[in-house]
Amino acid sequence: TGVFRWNLGSGKGSSVLEVLRSFEKAVGRPIPYEITGRRAGDLPAFWADATSALADLSWSTTKTVDEMCEDHWRWQKNNPQGYTS
């Protein structure tokens, strides 16, 4: 069909709690949270398989989760209103 899609990711799963801890490091303070039961339909684990992105695009991630959270927080602080139209 001429249309292609690629999963982008590290190929390694990160838990919600691991990402939360990375954001806490980035913002420099604790983030309140509550652990509850899994919702109906939630998968116990999943992650992107970026094999085809590497093969077709020569693309692979270059940042860790900590670095991505730091980068996102830096952008958010510099752009508190988000993107302007």
N, C-alpha and C. Protein backbone atom coordinates (compact mmCIF):
# COMPACT_ATOMS: atom_id res chain seq x y z
N THR A 1 0.81 -1.21 0.00
CA THR A 1 0.00 0.00 0.00
C THR A 1 0.85 1.27 0.00
N GLY A 2 2.15 1.14 0.21
CA GLY A 2 3.00 2.32 0.25
C GLY A 2 3.02 3.02 1.59
N VAL A 3 2.32 2.51 2.58
CA VAL A 3 2.29 3.11 3.91
C VAL A 3 3.01 2.17 4.87
N PHE A 4 3.94 2.70 5.63
CA PHE A 4 4.70 1.90 6.58
C PHE A 4 4.58 2.50 7.97
N ARG A 5 4.68 1.66 9.00
CA ARG A 5 4.72 2.14 10.37
C ARG A 5 5.84 1.42 11.09
N TRP A 6 6.40 2.12 12.05
CA TRP A 6 7.47 1.54 12.84
C TRP A 6 7.20 1.79 14.31
N ASN A 7 7.48 0.81 15.14
CA ASN A 7 7.49 1.01 16.58
C ASN A 7 8.82 1.64 16.95
N LEU A 8 8.77 2.68 17.76
CA LEU A 8 9.99 3.33 18.22
C LEU A 8 10.12 3.10 19.72
N GLY A 9 11.25 2.66 20.13
CA GLY A 9 11.49 2.40 21.54
C GLY A 9 12.85 1.76 21.72
N SER A 10 13.16 1.46 22.95
CA SER A 10 14.47 0.89 23.26
C SER A 10 14.48 -0.63 23.14
N GLY A 11 13.30 -1.23 23.08
CA GLY A 11 13.22 -2.69 23.09
C GLY A 11 13.29 -3.26 24.49
N LYS A 12 13.42 -2.38 25.49
CA LYS A 12 13.48 -2.78 26.89
C LYS A 12 12.31 -2.13 27.60
N GLY A 13 11.56 -2.91 28.34
CA GLY A 13 10.42 -2.36 29.06
C GLY A 13 10.83 -1.54 30.27
N SER A 14 10.02 -0.55 30.61
CA SER A 14 10.19 0.24 31.83
C SER A 14 8.85 0.24 32.55
N SER A 15 8.88 0.01 33.84
CA SER A 15 7.63 0.02 34.60
C SER A 15 7.16 1.46 34.81
N VAL A 16 5.89 1.61 35.13
CA VAL A 16 5.35 2.94 35.43
C VAL A 16 6.12 3.54 36.61
N LEU A 17 6.43 2.72 37.60
CA LEU A 17 7.17 3.21 38.76
C LEU A 17 8.59 3.65 38.39
N GLU A 18 9.24 2.95 37.48
CA GLU A 18 10.57 3.36 37.01
C GLU A 18 10.50 4.72 36.31
N VAL A 19 9.49 4.92 35.48
CA VAL A 19 9.33 6.20 34.78
C VAL A 19 9.01 7.30 35.79
N LEU A 20 8.16 7.01 36.77
CA LEU A 20 7.84 7.98 37.82
C LEU A 20 9.10 8.40 38.55
N ARG A 21 9.94 7.46 38.92
CA ARG A 21 11.20 7.77 39.62
C ARG A 21 12.12 8.63 38.74
N SER A 22 12.13 8.36 37.44
CA SER A 22 12.94 9.18 36.53
C SER A 22 12.42 10.61 36.48
N PHE A 23 11.09 10.78 36.47
CA PHE A 23 10.52 12.14 36.48
C PHE A 23 10.80 12.83 37.81
N GLU A 24 10.75 12.09 38.90
CA GLU A 24 11.08 12.69 40.20
C GLU A 24 12.50 13.23 40.19
N LYS A 25 13.43 12.47 39.62
CA LYS A 25 14.81 12.95 39.52
C LYS A 25 14.88 14.21 38.66
N ALA A 26 14.14 14.21 37.55
CA ALA A 26 14.17 15.35 36.62
C ALA A 26 13.62 16.62 37.26
N VAL A 27 12.51 16.50 38.00
CA VAL A 27 11.88 17.69 38.57
C VAL A 27 12.48 18.05 39.93
N GLY A 28 13.22 17.12 40.53
CA GLY A 28 13.89 17.41 41.79
C GLY A 28 12.99 17.38 43.00
N ARG A 29 11.88 16.68 42.91
CA ARG A 29 10.99 16.56 44.07
C ARG A 29 10.12 15.31 43.92
N PRO A 30 9.57 14.84 45.03
CA PRO A 30 8.70 13.66 44.95
C PRO A 30 7.42 13.98 44.18
N ILE A 31 6.90 13.00 43.48
CA ILE A 31 5.62 13.12 42.78
C ILE A 31 4.65 12.19 43.51
N PRO A 32 3.55 12.75 44.05
CA PRO A 32 2.62 11.88 44.77
C PRO A 32 1.96 10.86 43.83
N TYR A 33 1.75 9.66 44.33
CA TYR A 33 1.10 8.62 43.54
C TYR A 33 0.43 7.63 44.47
N GLU A 34 -0.45 6.84 43.91
CA GLU A 34 -1.15 5.80 44.65
C GLU A 34 -1.12 4.53 43.80
N ILE A 35 -0.73 3.45 44.40
CA ILE A 35 -0.72 2.16 43.71
C ILE A 35 -2.07 1.50 43.91
N THR A 36 -2.73 1.17 42.82
CA THR A 36 -4.04 0.52 42.86
C THR A 36 -3.99 -0.74 42.01
N GLY A 37 -5.08 -1.45 41.97
CA GLY A 37 -5.15 -2.66 41.15
C GLY A 37 -5.16 -2.33 39.67
N ARG A 38 -4.81 -3.33 38.88
CA ARG A 38 -4.82 -3.19 37.43
C ARG A 38 -6.26 -3.02 36.95
N ARG A 39 -6.47 -2.15 35.97
CA ARG A 39 -7.80 -1.94 35.40
C ARG A 39 -8.12 -3.06 34.43
N ALA A 40 -9.40 -3.28 34.21
CA ALA A 40 -9.83 -4.30 33.24
C ALA A 40 -9.22 -3.97 31.88
N GLY A 41 -8.59 -4.95 31.26
CA GLY A 41 -8.00 -4.77 29.95
C GLY A 41 -6.54 -4.33 29.97
N ASP A 42 -6.02 -3.90 31.14
CA ASP A 42 -4.61 -3.52 31.21
C ASP A 42 -3.73 -4.74 31.03
N LEU A 43 -2.70 -4.59 30.23
CA LEU A 43 -1.73 -5.67 30.03
C LEU A 43 -0.73 -5.66 31.18
N PRO A 44 -0.25 -6.82 31.60
CA PRO A 44 0.72 -6.84 32.69
C PRO A 44 2.09 -6.29 32.28
N ALA A 45 2.43 -6.40 31.02
CA ALA A 45 3.71 -5.88 30.53
C ALA A 45 3.65 -5.77 29.01
N PHE A 46 4.28 -4.73 28.47
CA PHE A 46 4.41 -4.59 27.02
C PHE A 46 5.46 -3.54 26.73
N TRP A 47 6.06 -3.62 25.56
CA TRP A 47 7.06 -2.65 25.12
C TRP A 47 7.16 -2.71 23.61
N ALA A 48 7.75 -1.68 23.04
CA ALA A 48 7.87 -1.58 21.58
C ALA A 48 9.03 -2.42 21.09
N ASP A 49 8.81 -3.15 20.02
CA ASP A 49 9.87 -3.87 19.33
C ASP A 49 10.31 -3.00 18.16
N ALA A 50 11.45 -2.36 18.31
CA ALA A 50 11.92 -1.41 17.30
C ALA A 50 12.85 -2.04 16.28
N THR A 51 12.82 -3.36 16.14
CA THR A 51 13.70 -4.06 15.20
C THR A 51 13.55 -3.54 13.78
N SER A 52 12.31 -3.33 13.33
CA SER A 52 12.11 -2.88 11.95
C SER A 52 12.57 -1.43 11.76
N ALA A 53 12.47 -0.60 12.80
CA ALA A 53 12.96 0.78 12.69
C ALA A 53 14.47 0.79 12.50
N LEU A 54 15.16 -0.11 13.19
CA LEU A 54 16.61 -0.20 13.02
C LEU A 54 16.95 -0.71 11.62
N ALA A 55 16.24 -1.75 11.18
CA ALA A 55 16.53 -2.34 9.86
C ALA A 55 16.18 -1.40 8.71
N ASP A 56 15.01 -0.76 8.78
CA ASP A 56 14.53 0.05 7.66
C ASP A 56 15.05 1.49 7.69
N LEU A 57 15.20 2.05 8.89
CA LEU A 57 15.53 3.47 9.02
C LEU A 57 16.91 3.72 9.62
N SER A 58 17.56 2.67 10.06
CA SER A 58 18.82 2.80 10.82
C SER A 58 18.60 3.66 12.05
N TRP A 59 17.41 3.53 12.68
CA TRP A 59 17.05 4.32 13.85
C TRP A 59 17.13 3.46 15.10
N SER A 60 17.72 4.02 16.13
CA SER A 60 17.66 3.41 17.46
C SER A 60 17.72 4.53 18.48
N THR A 61 17.16 4.27 19.64
CA THR A 61 17.15 5.29 20.67
C THR A 61 18.57 5.58 21.14
N THR A 62 18.80 6.83 21.50
CA THR A 62 20.12 7.22 21.98
C THR A 62 20.06 7.72 23.42
N LYS A 63 18.87 7.80 24.00
CA LYS A 63 18.72 8.34 25.35
C LYS A 63 18.17 7.29 26.30
N THR A 64 18.54 7.42 27.56
CA THR A 64 17.96 6.59 28.61
C THR A 64 16.62 7.18 29.04
N VAL A 65 15.86 6.44 29.82
CA VAL A 65 14.60 6.97 30.34
C VAL A 65 14.87 8.21 31.19
N ASP A 66 15.91 8.18 32.02
CA ASP A 66 16.26 9.36 32.81
C ASP A 66 16.52 10.57 31.92
N GLU A 67 17.29 10.38 30.86
CA GLU A 67 17.60 11.49 29.95
C GLU A 67 16.36 12.00 29.23
N MET A 68 15.46 11.09 28.85
CA MET A 68 14.22 11.52 28.18
C MET A 68 13.35 12.33 29.12
N CYS A 69 13.26 11.92 30.38
CA CYS A 69 12.46 12.66 31.35
C CYS A 69 13.08 14.03 31.62
N GLU A 70 14.40 14.09 31.74
CA GLU A 70 15.09 15.38 31.92
C GLU A 70 14.83 16.30 30.74
N ASP A 71 14.92 15.77 29.54
CA ASP A 71 14.70 16.55 28.32
C ASP A 71 13.26 17.05 28.26
N HIS A 72 12.31 16.19 28.57
CA HIS A 72 10.90 16.61 28.56
C HIS A 72 10.66 17.70 29.60
N TRP A 73 11.17 17.53 30.80
CA TRP A 73 10.95 18.52 31.86
C TRP A 73 11.59 19.86 31.50
N ARG A 74 12.77 19.82 30.91
CA ARG A 74 13.43 21.06 30.47
C ARG A 74 12.56 21.77 29.43
N TRP A 75 12.02 21.03 28.46
CA TRP A 75 11.16 21.64 27.45
C TRP A 75 9.90 22.22 28.11
N GLN A 76 9.30 21.47 29.03
CA GLN A 76 8.06 21.93 29.67
C GLN A 76 8.31 23.21 30.47
N LYS A 77 9.42 23.27 31.19
CA LYS A 77 9.75 24.49 31.95
C LYS A 77 9.94 25.68 31.03
N ASN A 78 10.55 25.45 29.87
CA ASN A 78 10.80 26.54 28.92
C ASN A 78 9.58 26.88 28.07
N ASN A 79 8.57 26.03 28.07
CA ASN A 79 7.36 26.22 27.26
C ASN A 79 6.12 25.88 28.08
N PRO A 80 5.85 26.63 29.16
CA PRO A 80 4.75 26.28 30.06
C PRO A 80 3.37 26.28 29.40
N GLN A 81 3.22 26.99 28.29
CA GLN A 81 1.94 27.01 27.58
C GLN A 81 1.90 25.97 26.47
N GLY A 82 2.95 25.18 26.34
CA GLY A 82 3.00 24.19 25.27
C GLY A 82 3.35 24.84 23.95
N TYR A 83 2.92 24.20 22.88
CA TYR A 83 3.17 24.74 21.54
C TYR A 83 2.21 25.88 21.27
N THR A 84 2.69 26.92 20.60
CA THR A 84 1.80 28.00 20.19
C THR A 84 1.38 27.76 18.75
N SER A 85 0.19 28.22 18.43
CA SER A 85 -0.30 28.01 17.06
C SER A 85 -0.02 29.20 16.18
